[in-house]
Amino acid sequence: MLLIFGVALIALGLLSGAVILLATMGLIAAMPGFTLWLTFPSLCIIGFLLLAMQAQPAQVRTVSVASSALLLLMALASIVVLVLSAASILPAPVSSASLWFVLVVGVSLGTIGAASFGRNNAT
């Protein structure tokens, strides 16, 4: 039960981040507010903690690697938009704070998730 709930929370957290990113880029007509800013990192973290309490190590590794990859892709998209808009190749977003937020959260959580399973623990 906690496994499914944890995966659902991670998915909702990733969706929150994607909506923030896409709305800031002007690809969807949404106004990301405080709720999305709060749910993006918190649901990803809480979902992973619930998943880690219930799942087998292989399941935790699979979900962690997949969610980390998505977080890092969102961070990469954020930095691409920031750089291209600074170079006047893309129109500048109304506010770049959302892009910076997705970048920082995506790199932080994505790197932690990817690095936690990046090494083989055999010594």
Protein backbone atom coordinates (compact mmCIF):
# COMPACT_ATOMS: atom_id res chain seq x y z
CA MET A 1 0.00 0.00 0.00
CA LEU A 2 2.76 2.47 0.92
CA LEU A 3 4.62 1.44 -2.21
CA ILE A 4 1.77 2.52 -4.50
CA PHE A 5 1.11 5.65 -2.47
CA GLY A 6 4.81 6.60 -2.53
CA VAL A 7 5.05 6.15 -6.30
CA ALA A 8 1.85 8.21 -6.74
CA LEU A 9 3.30 11.03 -4.60
CA ILE A 10 6.54 10.99 -6.59
CA ALA A 11 4.53 11.16 -9.83
CA LEU A 12 2.49 14.10 -8.52
CA GLY A 13 5.66 15.87 -7.41
CA LEU A 14 7.20 15.40 -10.85
CA LEU A 15 3.96 16.61 -12.44
CA SER A 16 4.10 19.74 -10.28
CA GLY A 17 7.63 20.45 -11.47
CA ALA A 18 6.68 19.82 -15.08
CA VAL A 19 3.72 22.22 -14.85
CA ILE A 20 5.95 24.91 -13.34
CA LEU A 21 8.47 24.43 -16.15
CA LEU A 22 5.97 24.25 -19.01
CA ALA A 23 3.93 27.21 -17.75
CA THR A 24 7.03 29.35 -17.39
CA MET A 25 8.11 28.43 -20.91
CA GLY A 26 4.64 29.43 -22.14
CA LEU A 27 3.81 25.97 -23.48
CA ILE A 28 0.70 25.59 -21.33
CA ALA A 29 -1.75 28.17 -20.09
CA ALA A 30 -1.27 27.81 -16.36
CA MET A 31 -0.24 30.11 -13.56
CA PRO A 32 2.05 28.16 -11.24
CA GLY A 33 1.50 29.33 -7.71
CA PHE A 34 2.66 28.58 -4.21
CA THR A 35 1.01 25.16 -4.13
CA LEU A 36 3.01 23.85 -7.08
CA TRP A 37 6.20 25.37 -5.72
CA LEU A 38 5.59 23.57 -2.43
CA THR A 39 4.42 20.24 -3.82
CA PHE A 40 7.23 19.83 -6.35
CA PRO A 41 10.06 19.06 -3.91
CA SER A 42 7.99 17.93 -0.92
CA LEU A 43 5.93 15.27 -2.73
CA CYS A 44 9.06 13.89 -4.40
CA ILE A 45 10.81 13.57 -1.04
CA ILE A 46 7.83 12.23 0.93
CA GLY A 47 6.97 9.78 -1.86
CA PHE A 48 10.50 8.45 -1.94
CA LEU A 49 10.59 8.03 1.85
CA LEU A 50 7.32 6.07 1.78
CA LEU A 51 8.61 3.97 -1.09
CA ALA A 52 11.89 3.25 0.68
CA MET A 53 10.06 2.06 3.82
CA GLN A 54 8.05 -0.58 1.99
CA ALA A 55 9.76 -1.59 -1.25
CA GLN A 56 12.47 -4.09 -2.02
CA PRO A 57 15.92 -2.62 -2.76
CA ALA A 58 15.58 -3.36 -6.48
CA GLN A 59 12.27 -1.50 -6.61
CA VAL A 60 13.72 1.46 -4.72
CA ARG A 61 16.66 1.55 -7.12
CA THR A 62 14.43 1.44 -10.21
CA VAL A 63 12.11 4.22 -9.03
CA SER A 64 15.03 6.29 -7.75
CA VAL A 65 16.95 6.08 -11.01
CA ALA A 66 13.84 6.82 -13.11
CA SER A 67 12.71 9.77 -10.99
CA SER A 68 16.25 11.12 -10.79
CA ALA A 69 16.54 10.99 -14.57
CA LEU A 70 13.27 12.92 -14.94
CA LEU A 71 14.36 15.50 -12.35
CA LEU A 72 17.68 16.00 -14.12
CA LEU A 73 15.91 16.33 -17.48
CA MET A 74 13.67 19.05 -16.03
CA ALA A 75 16.75 20.80 -14.65
CA LEU A 76 18.43 20.57 -18.05
CA ALA A 77 15.36 22.00 -19.78
CA SER A 78 15.33 24.87 -17.28
CA ILE A 79 18.95 25.78 -17.90
CA VAL A 80 18.49 25.52 -21.67
CA VAL A 81 15.58 27.97 -21.53
CA LEU A 82 17.52 30.31 -19.23
CA VAL A 83 20.58 30.31 -21.49
CA LEU A 84 18.65 30.64 -24.74
CA SER A 85 16.50 33.45 -23.39
CA ALA A 86 19.58 35.25 -22.05
CA ALA A 87 21.11 34.94 -25.52
CA SER A 88 17.89 36.35 -27.03
CA ILE A 89 17.29 33.18 -29.01
CA LEU A 90 14.05 32.51 -27.13
CA PRO A 91 11.68 35.12 -25.76
CA ALA A 92 12.45 35.88 -22.14
CA PRO A 93 10.04 34.36 -19.63
CA VAL A 94 7.98 36.76 -17.54
CA SER A 95 9.87 35.62 -14.46
CA SER A 96 12.92 33.42 -14.41
CA ALA A 97 12.46 32.54 -10.71
CA SER A 98 10.37 29.50 -11.60
CA LEU A 99 13.06 28.24 -13.96
CA TRP A 100 15.73 28.73 -11.32
CA PHE A 101 13.56 26.90 -8.78
CA VAL A 102 13.07 23.89 -11.08
CA LEU A 103 16.78 23.94 -11.85
CA VAL A 104 17.90 23.96 -8.22
CA VAL A 105 15.36 21.38 -7.03
CA GLY A 106 15.91 19.16 -10.06
CA VAL A 107 19.68 19.17 -9.76
CA SER A 108 19.61 18.73 -5.98
CA LEU A 109 17.11 15.88 -5.77
CA GLY A 110 18.14 14.31 -9.08
CA THR A 111 21.81 14.23 -8.15
CA ILE A 112 21.13 12.83 -4.69
CA GLY A 113 18.88 10.13 -6.12
CA ALA A 114 21.26 9.18 -8.90
CA ALA A 115 24.37 9.27 -6.71
CA SER A 116 22.82 7.17 -3.97
CA PHE A 117 22.84 4.17 -6.30
CA GLY A 118 25.76 5.17 -8.48
CA ARG A 119 28.40 3.13 -6.68
CA ASN A 120 28.63 -0.54 -6.07
CA ASN A 121 28.74 -1.17 -2.32
CA ALA A 122 30.99 -4.21 -2.61
CA THR A 123 34.30 -3.55 -0.84
